Amino acid sequence: MILLRSHIGSALRSARISQGRTLRDVAKSARVSLGYLSEVERGQKEASSELLNAICSALDISLGEVLLTVTAQVRTHEAPTLTVVDDAA
């Protein structure tokens, strides 16, 4: 099963780490608790659009960028798996 919150959290964490920033720094900038941001990044909490915007703003990335990344990940997981059946066997 695909959980959007897991993919969104992963994209946010990747952005934060690539910027060399700490959870504490981003949580302070986004005005969310450190624990809540950690849960969002781990896919344990589903953030509202307002909180996602605050986190993205703190990371200086657009929500659209995050959603494009998540869309690509979801499409990869949704891609059908083709199986070759050998009727001659």
PDB file of N, CA and C in Angstrom:
ATOM      1  N   MET A   1       0.841  -1.173   0.000  1.00  0.00           N
ATOM      2  CA  MET A   1       0.000   0.000   0.000  1.00  0.00           C
ATOM      3  C   MET A   1       0.894   1.247   0.000  1.00  0.00           C
ATOM      4  N   ILE A   2       0.493   2.230  -0.775  1.00  0.00           N
ATOM      5  CA  ILE A   2       1.246   3.470  -0.884  1.00  0.00           C
ATOM      6  C   ILE A   2       0.673   4.479   0.104  1.00  0.00           C
ATOM      7  N   LEU A   3       1.527   4.981   0.990  1.00  0.00           N
ATOM      8  CA  LEU A   3       1.112   6.026   1.914  1.00  0.00           C
ATOM      9  C   LEU A   3       1.762   7.330   1.489  1.00  0.00           C
ATOM     10  N   LEU A   4       0.941   8.287   1.103  1.00  0.00           N
ATOM     11  CA  LEU A   4       1.477   9.582   0.684  1.00  0.00           C
ATOM     12  C   LEU A   4       2.308  10.220   1.782  1.00  0.00           C
ATOM     13  N   ARG A   5       1.870  10.086   3.030  1.00  0.00           N
ATOM     14  CA  ARG A   5       2.603  10.723   4.123  1.00  0.00           C
ATOM     15  C   ARG A   5       4.038  10.208   4.222  1.00  0.00           C
ATOM     16  N   SER A   6       4.257   8.948   3.875  1.00  0.00           N
ATOM     17  CA  SER A   6       5.616   8.399   3.897  1.00  0.00           C
ATOM     18  C   SER A   6       6.482   9.038   2.821  1.00  0.00           C
ATOM     19  N   HIS A   7       5.926   9.167   1.632  1.00  0.00           N
ATOM     20  CA  HIS A   7       6.667   9.769   0.524  1.00  0.00           C
ATOM     21  C   HIS A   7       6.909  11.264   0.753  1.00  0.00           C
ATOM     22  N   ILE A   8       5.912  11.948   1.278  1.00  0.00           N
ATOM     23  CA  ILE A   8       6.068  13.378   1.569  1.00  0.00           C
ATOM     24  C   ILE A   8       7.137  13.563   2.638  1.00  0.00           C
ATOM     25  N   GLY A   9       7.072  12.773   3.681  1.00  0.00           N
ATOM     26  CA  GLY A   9       8.077  12.855   4.746  1.00  0.00           C
ATOM     27  C   GLY A   9       9.476  12.594   4.236  1.00  0.00           C
ATOM     28  N   SER A  10       9.603  11.608   3.393  1.00  0.00           N
ATOM     29  CA  SER A  10      10.903  11.272   2.816  1.00  0.00           C
ATOM     30  C   SER A  10      11.445  12.419   1.967  1.00  0.00           C
ATOM     31  N   ALA A  11      10.577  13.046   1.184  1.00  0.00           N
ATOM     32  CA  ALA A  11      11.000  14.167   0.340  1.00  0.00           C
ATOM     33  C   ALA A  11      11.434  15.352   1.198  1.00  0.00           C
ATOM     34  N   LEU A  12      10.698  15.617   2.280  1.00  0.00           N
ATOM     35  CA  LEU A  12      11.063  16.718   3.172  1.00  0.00           C
ATOM     36  C   LEU A  12      12.393  16.437   3.870  1.00  0.00           C
ATOM     37  N   ARG A  13      12.552  15.210   4.333  1.00  0.00           N
ATOM     38  CA  ARG A  13      13.805  14.847   5.006  1.00  0.00           C
ATOM     39  C   ARG A  13      14.989  14.956   4.043  1.00  0.00           C
ATOM     40  N   SER A  14      14.814  14.484   2.819  1.00  0.00           N
ATOM     41  CA  SER A  14      15.892  14.576   1.823  1.00  0.00           C
ATOM     42  C   SER A  14      16.291  16.027   1.572  1.00  0.00           C
ATOM     43  N   ALA A  15      15.289  16.888   1.468  1.00  0.00           N
ATOM     44  CA  ALA A  15      15.569  18.315   1.244  1.00  0.00           C
ATOM     45  C   ALA A  15      16.326  18.898   2.427  1.00  0.00           C
ATOM     46  N   ARG A  16      15.895  18.571   3.629  1.00  0.00           N
ATOM     47  CA  ARG A  16      16.557  19.093   4.832  1.00  0.00           C
ATOM     48  C   ARG A  16      17.993  18.620   4.929  1.00  0.00           C
ATOM     49  N   ILE A  17      18.200  17.337   4.704  1.00  0.00           N
ATOM     50  CA  ILE A  17      19.551  16.766   4.808  1.00  0.00           C
ATOM     51  C   ILE A  17      20.458  17.321   3.720  1.00  0.00           C
ATOM     52  N   SER A  18      19.930  17.483   2.511  1.00  0.00           N
ATOM     53  CA  SER A  18      20.760  18.021   1.418  1.00  0.00           C
ATOM     54  C   SER A  18      21.182  19.466   1.704  1.00  0.00           C
ATOM     55  N   GLN A  19      20.417  20.157   2.535  1.00  0.00           N
ATOM     56  CA  GLN A  19      20.773  21.519   2.925  1.00  0.00           C
ATOM     57  C   GLN A  19      21.680  21.546   4.155  1.00  0.00           C
ATOM     58  N   GLY A  20      21.919  20.386   4.731  1.00  0.00           N
ATOM     59  CA  GLY A  20      22.777  20.294   5.909  1.00  0.00           C
ATOM     60  C   GLY A  20      22.141  20.917   7.147  1.00  0.00           C
ATOM     61  N   ARG A  21      20.821  20.872   7.223  1.00  0.00           N
ATOM     62  CA  ARG A  21      20.112  21.492   8.335  1.00  0.00           C
ATOM     63  C   ARG A  21      19.612  20.459   9.325  1.00  0.00           C
ATOM     64  N   THR A  22      19.436  20.882  10.548  1.00  0.00           N
ATOM     65  CA  THR A  22      18.951  19.983  11.591  1.00  0.00           C
ATOM     66  C   THR A  22      17.430  20.067  11.695  1.00  0.00           C
ATOM     67  N   LEU A  23      16.863  19.039  12.302  1.00  0.00           N
ATOM     68  CA  LEU A  23      15.433  19.046  12.584  1.00  0.00           C
ATOM     69  C   LEU A  23      15.069  20.270  13.419  1.00  0.00           C
ATOM     70  N   ARG A  24      15.890  20.551  14.416  1.00  0.00           N
ATOM     71  CA  ARG A  24      15.635  21.672  15.314  1.00  0.00           C
ATOM     72  C   ARG A  24      15.567  22.990  14.550  1.00  0.00           C
ATOM     73  N   ASP A  25      16.506  23.196  13.645  1.00  0.00           N
ATOM     74  CA  ASP A  25      16.565  24.429  12.859  1.00  0.00           C
ATOM     75  C   ASP A  25      15.315  24.596  11.997  1.00  0.00           C
ATOM     76  N   VAL A  26      14.946  23.548  11.292  1.00  0.00           N
ATOM     77  CA  VAL A  26      13.790  23.617  10.394  1.00  0.00           C
ATOM     78  C   VAL A  26      12.501  23.752  11.199  1.00  0.00           C
ATOM     79  N   ALA A  27      12.389  23.011  12.294  1.00  0.00           N
ATOM     80  CA  ALA A  27      11.186  23.095  13.136  1.00  0.00           C
ATOM     81  C   ALA A  27      11.007  24.522  13.660  1.00  0.00           C
ATOM     82  N   LYS A  28      12.094  25.129  14.076  1.00  0.00           N
ATOM     83  CA  LYS A  28      12.028  26.509  14.583  1.00  0.00           C
ATOM     84  C   LYS A  28      11.593  27.467  13.478  1.00  0.00           C
ATOM     85  N   SER A  29      12.177  27.326  12.299  1.00  0.00           N
ATOM     86  CA  SER A  29      11.821  28.199  11.168  1.00  0.00           C
ATOM     87  C   SER A  29      10.377  28.009  10.732  1.00  0.00           C
ATOM     88  N   ALA A  30       9.890  26.765  10.787  1.00  0.00           N
ATOM     89  CA  ALA A  30       8.526  26.456  10.361  1.00  0.00           C
ATOM     90  C   ALA A  30       7.498  26.701  11.465  1.00  0.00           C
ATOM     91  N   ARG A  31       7.998  26.938  12.671  1.00  0.00           N
ATOM     92  CA  ARG A  31       7.139  27.152  13.842  1.00  0.00           C
ATOM     93  C   ARG A  31       6.278  25.930  14.146  1.00  0.00           C
ATOM     94  N   VAL A  32       6.925  24.760  14.064  1.00  0.00           N
ATOM     95  CA  VAL A  32       6.290  23.505  14.477  1.00  0.00           C
ATOM     96  C   VAL A  32       7.209  22.856  15.502  1.00  0.00           C
ATOM     97  N   SER A  33       6.663  21.962  16.298  1.00  0.00           N
ATOM     98  CA  SER A  33       7.507  21.312  17.297  1.00  0.00           C
ATOM     99  C   SER A  33       8.476  20.351  16.615  1.00  0.00           C
ATOM    100  N   LEU A  34       9.602  20.178  17.243  1.00  0.00           N
ATOM    101  CA  LEU A  34      10.631  19.274  16.729  1.00  0.00           C
ATOM    102  C   LEU A  34      10.073  17.859  16.607  1.00  0.00           C
ATOM    103  N   GLY A  35       9.338  17.413  17.612  1.00  0.00           N
ATOM    104  CA  GLY A  35       8.755  16.074  17.593  1.00  0.00           C
ATOM    105  C   GLY A  35       7.768  15.885  16.456  1.00  0.00           C
ATOM    106  N   TYR A  36       6.956  16.922  16.210  1.00  0.00           N
ATOM    107  CA  TYR A  36       5.969  16.825  15.131  1.00  0.00           C
ATOM    108  C   TYR A  36       6.663  16.752  13.779  1.00  0.00           C
ATOM    109  N   LEU A  37       7.663  17.598  13.562  1.00  0.00           N
ATOM    110  CA  LEU A  37       8.403  17.560  12.294  1.00  0.00           C
ATOM    111  C   LEU A  37       9.057  16.197  12.099  1.00  0.00           C
ATOM    112  N   SER A  38       9.612  15.655  13.153  1.00  0.00           N
ATOM    113  CA  SER A  38      10.224  14.332  13.071  1.00  0.00           C
ATOM    114  C   SER A  38       9.198  13.280  12.663  1.00  0.00           C
ATOM    115  N   GLU A  39       7.999  13.344  13.240  1.00  0.00           N
ATOM    116  CA  GLU A  39       6.950  12.387  12.891  1.00  0.00           C
ATOM    117  C   GLU A  39       6.492  12.561  11.444  1.00  0.00           C
ATOM    118  N   VAL A  40       6.423  13.798  10.975  1.00  0.00           N
ATOM    119  CA  VAL A  40       6.055  14.041   9.579  1.00  0.00           C
ATOM    120  C   VAL A  40       7.113  13.439   8.668  1.00  0.00           C
ATOM    121  N   GLU A  41       8.389  13.684   8.971  1.00  0.00           N
ATOM    122  CA  GLU A  41       9.475  13.151   8.134  1.00  0.00           C
ATOM    123  C   GLU A  41       9.486  11.626   8.110  1.00  0.00           C
ATOM    124  N   ARG A  42       9.117  11.003   9.209  1.00  0.00           N
ATOM    125  CA  ARG A  42       9.097   9.536   9.271  1.00  0.00           C
ATOM    126  C   ARG A  42       7.804   8.943   8.732  1.00  0.00           C
ATOM    127  N   GLY A  43       6.877   9.797   8.275  1.00  0.00           N
ATOM    128  CA  GLY A  43       5.624   9.310   7.712  1.00  0.00           C
ATOM    129  C   GLY A  43       4.632   8.838   8.753  1.00  0.00           C
ATOM    130  N   GLN A  44       4.831   9.253  10.001  1.00  0.00           N
ATOM    131  CA  GLN A  44       3.926   8.836  11.064  1.00  0.00           C
ATOM    132  C   GLN A  44       2.765   9.801  11.259  1.00  0.00           C
ATOM    133  N   LYS A  45       2.944  11.039  10.818  1.00  0.00           N
ATOM    134  CA  LYS A  45       1.878  12.042  10.906  1.00  0.00           C
ATOM    135  C   LYS A  45       1.591  12.594   9.526  1.00  0.00           C
ATOM    136  N   GLU A  46       0.330  12.878   9.296  1.00  0.00           N
ATOM    137  CA  GLU A  46      -0.087  13.468   8.028  1.00  0.00           C
ATOM    138  C   GLU A  46      -0.311  14.957   8.272  1.00  0.00           C
ATOM    139  N   ALA A  47       0.600  15.771   7.765  1.00  0.00           N
ATOM    140  CA  ALA A  47       0.547  17.211   8.004  1.00  0.00           C
ATOM    141  C   ALA A  47      -0.539  17.863   7.160  1.00  0.00           C
ATOM    142  N   SER A  48      -1.155  18.888   7.714  1.00  0.00           N
ATOM    143  CA  SER A  48      -2.140  19.668   6.956  1.00  0.00           C
ATOM    144  C   SER A  48      -1.413  20.459   5.871  1.00  0.00           C
ATOM    145  N   SER A  49      -2.179  20.968   4.927  1.00  0.00           N
ATOM    146  CA  SER A  49      -1.568  21.755   3.854  1.00  0.00           C
ATOM    147  C   SER A  49      -0.892  23.006   4.417  1.00  0.00           C
ATOM    148  N   GLU A  50      -1.447  23.586   5.466  1.00  0.00           N
ATOM    149  CA  GLU A  50      -0.843  24.763   6.088  1.00  0.00           C
ATOM    150  C   GLU A  50       0.516  24.430   6.683  1.00  0.00           C
ATOM    151  N   LEU A  51       0.593  23.289   7.381  1.00  0.00           N
ATOM    152  CA  LEU A  51       1.871  22.898   7.970  1.00  0.00           C
ATOM    153  C   LEU A  51       2.882  22.494   6.898  1.00  0.00           C
ATOM    154  N   LEU A  52       2.419  21.821   5.855  1.00  0.00           N
ATOM    155  CA  LEU A  52       3.326  21.475   4.766  1.00  0.00           C
ATOM    156  C   LEU A  52       3.902  22.733   4.126  1.00  0.00           C
ATOM    157  N   ASN A  53       3.052  23.736   3.939  1.00  0.00           N
ATOM    158  CA  ASN A  53       3.538  24.997   3.386  1.00  0.00           C
ATOM    159  C   ASN A  53       4.557  25.651   4.302  1.00  0.00           C
ATOM    160  N   ALA A  54       4.327  25.609   5.606  1.00  0.00           N
ATOM    161  CA  ALA A  54       5.261  26.194   6.569  1.00  0.00           C
ATOM    162  C   ALA A  54       6.607  25.465   6.535  1.00  0.00           C
ATOM    163  N   ILE A  55       6.554  24.149   6.457  1.00  0.00           N
ATOM    164  CA  ILE A  55       7.791  23.355   6.421  1.00  0.00           C
ATOM    165  C   ILE A  55       8.544  23.612   5.115  1.00  0.00           C
ATOM    166  N   CYS A  56       7.821  23.629   4.008  1.00  0.00           N
ATOM    167  CA  CYS A  56       8.448  23.899   2.714  1.00  0.00           C
ATOM    168  C   CYS A  56       9.060  25.297   2.691  1.00  0.00           C
ATOM    169  N   SER A  57       8.354  26.255   3.243  1.00  0.00           N
ATOM    170  CA  SER A  57       8.869  27.616   3.306  1.00  0.00           C
ATOM    171  C   SER A  57      10.149  27.668   4.134  1.00  0.00           C
ATOM    172  N   ALA A  58      10.161  26.959   5.247  1.00  0.00           N
ATOM    173  CA  ALA A  58      11.354  26.907   6.096  1.00  0.00           C
ATOM    174  C   ALA A  58      12.533  26.273   5.357  1.00  0.00           C
ATOM    175  N   LEU A  59      12.225  25.339   4.467  1.00  0.00           N
ATOM    176  CA  LEU A  59      13.270  24.674   3.680  1.00  0.00           C
ATOM    177  C   LEU A  59      13.588  25.432   2.384  1.00  0.00           C
ATOM    178  N   ASP A  60      12.848  26.506   2.134  1.00  0.00           N
ATOM    179  CA  ASP A  60      13.009  27.318   0.925  1.00  0.00           C
ATOM    180  C   ASP A  60      12.808  26.479  -0.344  1.00  0.00           C
ATOM    181  N   ILE A  61      11.792  25.622  -0.292  1.00  0.00           N
ATOM    182  CA  ILE A  61      11.383  24.852  -1.466  1.00  0.00           C
ATOM    183  C   ILE A  61       9.887  25.036  -1.617  1.00  0.00           C
ATOM    184  N   SER A  62       9.382  24.804  -2.812  1.00  0.00           N
ATOM    185  CA  SER A  62       7.946  24.956  -3.012  1.00  0.00           C
ATOM    186  C   SER A  62       7.239  23.638  -2.715  1.00  0.00           C
ATOM    187  N   LEU A  63       5.996  23.774  -2.301  1.00  0.00           N
ATOM    188  CA  LEU A  63       5.169  22.587  -2.087  1.00  0.00           C
ATOM    189  C   LEU A  63       5.028  21.831  -3.398  1.00  0.00           C
ATOM    190  N   GLY A  64       4.976  22.571  -4.504  1.00  0.00           N
ATOM    191  CA  GLY A  64       4.884  21.945  -5.824  1.00  0.00           C
ATOM    192  C   GLY A  64       6.062  21.034  -6.113  1.00  0.00           C
ATOM    193  N   GLU A  65       7.277  21.468  -5.724  1.00  0.00           N
ATOM    194  CA  GLU A  65       8.468  20.631  -5.919  1.00  0.00           C
ATOM    195  C   GLU A  65       8.335  19.322  -5.147  1.00  0.00           C
ATOM    196  N   VAL A  66       7.886  19.442  -3.910  1.00  0.00           N
ATOM    197  CA  VAL A  66       7.714  18.248  -3.072  1.00  0.00           C
ATOM    198  C   VAL A  66       6.680  17.315  -3.695  1.00  0.00           C
ATOM    199  N   LEU A  67       5.584  17.881  -4.145  1.00  0.00           N
ATOM    200  CA  LEU A  67       4.525  17.053  -4.732  1.00  0.00           C
ATOM    201  C   LEU A  67       4.958  16.403  -6.043  1.00  0.00           C
ATOM    202  N   LEU A  68       5.780  17.087  -6.827  1.00  0.00           N
ATOM    203  CA  LEU A  68       6.311  16.473  -8.053  1.00  0.00           C
ATOM    204  C   LEU A  68       7.211  15.286  -7.718  1.00  0.00           C
ATOM    205  N   THR A  69       8.045  15.452  -6.703  1.00  0.00           N
ATOM    206  CA  THR A  69       8.923  14.359  -6.263  1.00  0.00           C
ATOM    207  C   THR A  69       8.085  13.174  -5.792  1.00  0.00           C
ATOM    208  N   VAL A  70       7.076  13.468  -4.998  1.00  0.00           N
ATOM    209  CA  VAL A  70       6.206  12.419  -4.465  1.00  0.00           C
ATOM    210  C   VAL A  70       5.437  11.736  -5.593  1.00  0.00           C
ATOM    211  N   THR A  71       4.964  12.512  -6.548  1.00  0.00           N
ATOM    212  CA  THR A  71       4.242  11.943  -7.690  1.00  0.00           C
ATOM    213  C   THR A  71       5.115  10.948  -8.443  1.00  0.00           C
ATOM    214  N   ALA A  72       6.375  11.308  -8.672  1.00  0.00           N
ATOM    215  CA  ALA A  72       7.293  10.405  -9.377  1.00  0.00           C
ATOM    216  C   ALA A  72       7.501   9.117  -8.587  1.00  0.00           C
ATOM    217  N   GLN A  73       7.634   9.236  -7.257  1.00  0.00           N
ATOM    218  CA  GLN A  73       7.823   8.047  -6.426  1.00  0.00           C
ATOM    219  C   GLN A  73       6.583   7.148  -6.450  1.00  0.00           C
ATOM    220  N   VAL A  74       5.421   7.763  -6.357  1.00  0.00           N
ATOM    221  CA  VAL A  74       4.177   6.983  -6.364  1.00  0.00           C
ATOM    222  C   VAL A  74       4.000   6.273  -7.701  1.00  0.00           C
ATOM    223  N   ARG A  75       4.292   6.972  -8.785  1.00  0.00           N
ATOM    224  CA  ARG A  75       4.171   6.339 -10.108  1.00  0.00           C
ATOM    225  C   ARG A  75       5.088   5.137 -10.228  1.00  0.00           C
ATOM    226  N   THR A  76       6.276   5.239  -9.675  1.00  0.00           N
ATOM    227  CA  THR A  76       7.220   4.118  -9.704  1.00  0.00           C
ATOM    228  C   THR A  76       6.639   2.918  -8.964  1.00  0.00           C
ATOM    229  N   HIS A  77       6.024   3.174  -7.820  1.00  0.00           N
ATOM    230  CA  HIS A  77       5.439   2.084  -7.037  1.00  0.00           C
ATOM    231  C   HIS A  77       4.162   1.532  -7.657  1.00  0.00           C
ATOM    232  N   GLU A  78       3.492   2.350  -8.441  1.00  0.00           N
ATOM    233  CA  GLU A  78       2.250   1.904  -9.069  1.00  0.00           C
ATOM    234  C   GLU A  78       2.475   1.199 -10.399  1.00  0.00           C
ATOM    235  N   ALA A  79       3.679   1.305 -10.933  1.00  0.00           N
ATOM    236  CA  ALA A  79       3.953   0.738 -12.252  1.00  0.00           C
ATOM    237  C   ALA A  79       3.600  -0.750 -12.251  1.00  0.00           C
ATOM    238  N   PRO A  80       2.860  -1.165 -13.235  1.00  0.00           N
ATOM    239  CA  PRO A  80       2.477  -2.584 -13.281  1.00  0.00           C
ATOM    240  C   PRO A  80       3.696  -3.468 -13.521  1.00  0.00           C
ATOM    241  N   THR A  81       3.664  -4.619 -12.928  1.00  0.00           N
ATOM    242  CA  THR A  81       4.720  -5.601 -13.125  1.00  0.00           C
ATOM    243  C   THR A  81       4.215  -6.616 -14.137  1.00  0.00           C
ATOM    244  N   LEU A  82       4.963  -6.753 -15.191  1.00  0.00           N
ATOM    245  CA  LEU A  82       4.579  -7.695 -16.239  1.00  0.00           C
ATOM    246  C   LEU A  82       5.235  -9.045 -15.981  1.00  0.00           C
ATOM    247  N   THR A  83       4.454 -10.070 -16.141  1.00  0.00           N
ATOM    248  CA  THR A  83       4.964 -11.423 -15.952  1.00  0.00           C
ATOM    249  C   THR A  83       4.812 -12.178 -17.259  1.00  0.00           C
ATOM    250  N   VAL A  84       5.902 -12.810 -17.665  1.00  0.00           N
ATOM    251  CA  VAL A  84       5.871 -13.617 -18.904  1.00  0.00           C
ATOM    252  C   VAL A  84       5.441 -15.017 -18.511  1.00  0.00           C
ATOM    253  N   VAL A  85       4.403 -15.483 -19.180  1.00  0.00           N
ATOM    254  CA  VAL A  85       3.893 -16.822 -18.924  1.00  0.00           C
ATOM    255  C   VAL A  85       4.285 -17.688 -20.097  1.00  0.00           C
ATOM    256  N   ASP A  86       4.944 -18.783 -19.791  1.00  0.00           N
ATOM    257  CA  ASP A  86       5.373 -19.708 -20.852  1.00  0.00           C
ATOM    258  C   ASP A  86       4.329 -20.795 -20.968  1.00  0.00           C
ATOM    259  N   ASP A  87       3.504 -20.707 -22.010  1.00  0.00           N
ATOM    260  CA  ASP A  87       2.443 -21.690 -22.213  1.00  0.00           C
ATOM    261  C   ASP A  87       2.985 -23.024 -22.703  1.00  0.00           C
ATOM    262  N   ALA A  88       4.217 -23.050 -23.170  1.00  0.00           N
ATOM    263  CA  ALA A  88       4.799 -24.286 -23.692  1.00  0.00           C
ATOM    264  C   ALA A  88       5.203 -25.249 -22.590  1.00  0.00           C
ATOM    265  N   ALA A  89       5.269 -24.778 -21.384  1.00  0.00           N
ATOM    266  CA  ALA A  89       5.750 -25.634 -20.289  1.00  0.00           C
ATOM    267  C   ALA A  89       4.772 -26.664 -19.854  1.00  0.00           C
TER     268      ALA A  89
END
